[in-house]
């Protein structure tokens, strides 16, 4: 019983991880509601509200949602930067995978 309790304590997420999880969950819910019902509950962009211009991040959530659905042209129209970010995250994922495999395979 004590081992189970210790392993659960090791899995305790930090405050930053919890907040990030809540924010990502809210954004996914907002995208699903916008897609299915046409209702937008997304967090508004403060930069756009103050300046009436789009920031570099505007449209990234919609672009990512379009990529998930396979609409590559729609993703580009929402925000072309999505392809740079997508490539960056693929690169980082491969780099992370390779660095951890080298550490594990060494005695």
Protein backbone atom coordinates (compact mmCIF):
# COMPACT_ATOMS: atom_id res chain seq x y z
CA UNK A 1 0.00 0.00 0.00
CA UNK A 2 2.84 2.37 0.81
CA UNK A 3 4.44 1.80 -2.62
CA UNK A 4 1.20 2.74 -4.34
CA UNK A 5 0.96 5.95 -2.29
CA UNK A 6 4.58 6.88 -3.08
CA UNK A 7 4.10 6.31 -6.80
CA UNK A 8 0.95 8.47 -6.79
CA UNK A 9 2.87 11.26 -5.04
CA UNK A 10 5.57 11.12 -7.72
CA UNK A 11 2.90 11.69 -10.39
CA UNK A 12 1.63 14.85 -8.66
CA UNK A 13 1.68 17.56 -11.33
CA UNK A 14 3.15 20.98 -10.69
CA UNK A 15 1.03 24.14 -10.69
CA UNK A 16 2.36 25.11 -14.13
CA UNK A 17 1.46 21.73 -15.59
CA UNK A 18 -2.02 21.89 -14.09
CA UNK A 19 -2.66 25.41 -15.41
CA UNK A 20 -1.38 24.47 -18.84
CA UNK A 21 -3.63 21.41 -18.87
CA UNK A 22 -6.66 23.52 -17.92
CA UNK A 23 -5.86 26.09 -20.62
CA UNK A 24 -5.36 23.45 -23.31
CA UNK A 25 -8.57 21.67 -22.27
CA UNK A 26 -10.51 24.94 -22.44
CA UNK A 27 -9.10 25.71 -25.88
CA UNK A 28 -10.02 22.26 -27.19
CA UNK A 29 -13.54 22.69 -25.80
CA UNK A 30 -13.80 26.12 -27.45
CA UNK A 31 -12.67 24.74 -30.81
CA UNK A 32 -15.10 21.81 -30.61
CA UNK A 33 -18.00 24.11 -29.74
CA UNK A 34 -17.12 26.50 -32.56
CA UNK A 35 -16.88 23.63 -35.02
CA UNK A 36 -20.11 21.86 -34.03
CA UNK A 37 -22.41 24.68 -32.92
CA UNK A 38 -20.89 27.82 -34.42
CA UNK A 39 -20.54 29.24 -30.91
CA UNK A 40 -17.28 30.92 -29.97
CA UNK A 41 -16.14 30.87 -26.34
CA UNK A 42 -12.46 31.26 -27.24
CA UNK A 43 -10.24 33.56 -25.24
CA UNK A 44 -10.07 36.87 -27.15
CA UNK A 45 -6.71 38.22 -28.28
CA UNK A 46 -5.83 41.26 -26.18
CA UNK A 47 -3.53 42.63 -28.90
CA UNK A 48 -6.36 42.52 -31.45
CA UNK A 49 -8.81 44.10 -29.02
CA UNK A 50 -6.44 47.01 -28.33
CA UNK A 51 -5.02 47.63 -31.82
CA UNK A 52 -7.56 46.18 -34.29
CA UNK A 53 -4.64 44.31 -35.94
CA UNK A 54 -3.95 40.59 -35.80
CA UNK A 55 -0.92 39.42 -33.84
CA UNK A 56 1.37 36.59 -34.99
CA UNK A 57 -0.57 34.10 -32.88
CA UNK A 58 -4.04 35.00 -34.13
CA UNK A 59 -5.62 32.08 -35.93
CA UNK A 60 -3.12 29.46 -34.72
CA UNK A 61 -5.78 27.48 -32.85
CA UNK A 62 -8.07 27.47 -35.87
CA UNK A 63 -5.13 26.58 -38.11
CA UNK A 64 -4.18 23.68 -35.85
CA UNK A 65 -7.80 22.50 -35.83
CA UNK A 66 -7.83 22.65 -39.63
CA UNK A 67 -4.63 20.59 -39.77
CA UNK A 68 -6.16 17.98 -37.47
CA UNK A 69 -9.15 17.76 -39.81
CA UNK A 70 -6.89 17.51 -42.87
CA UNK A 71 -7.72 20.95 -44.31
CA UNK A 72 -4.18 22.10 -45.16
CA UNK A 73 -5.23 25.04 -47.31
CA UNK A 74 -7.64 26.26 -44.63
CA UNK A 75 -4.86 26.04 -42.05
CA UNK A 76 -2.66 28.18 -44.27
CA UNK A 77 -5.41 30.78 -44.65
CA UNK A 78 -5.95 31.02 -40.89
CA UNK A 79 -2.24 31.51 -40.15
CA UNK A 80 0.69 30.51 -42.40
CA UNK A 81 3.02 30.33 -39.38
CA UNK A 82 1.39 27.01 -38.42
CA UNK A 83 3.65 25.16 -40.86
CA UNK A 84 6.80 26.65 -39.32
CA UNK A 85 5.61 25.70 -35.84
CA UNK A 86 4.55 22.25 -36.99
CA UNK A 87 7.99 21.64 -38.50
CA UNK A 88 9.68 22.97 -35.36
CA UNK A 89 7.69 20.65 -33.09
CA UNK A 90 8.37 17.66 -35.34
CA UNK A 91 12.09 18.49 -35.23
CA UNK A 92 12.04 18.89 -31.43
CA UNK A 93 10.12 15.63 -31.02
CA UNK A 94 12.64 13.70 -33.11
CA UNK A 95 15.53 15.34 -31.27
CA UNK A 96 13.97 14.51 -27.90
CA UNK A 97 13.32 10.92 -28.95
CA UNK A 98 16.87 10.41 -30.22
CA UNK A 99 18.50 11.98 -27.17
CA UNK A 100 16.51 9.78 -24.78
CA UNK A 101 17.21 6.62 -26.77
CA UNK A 102 20.94 7.30 -26.63
CA UNK A 103 20.81 7.78 -22.85
CA UNK A 104 18.86 4.57 -22.34
CA UNK A 105 21.01 2.43 -24.65
CA UNK A 106 24.28 3.43 -22.97
CA UNK A 107 25.23 1.25 -19.96
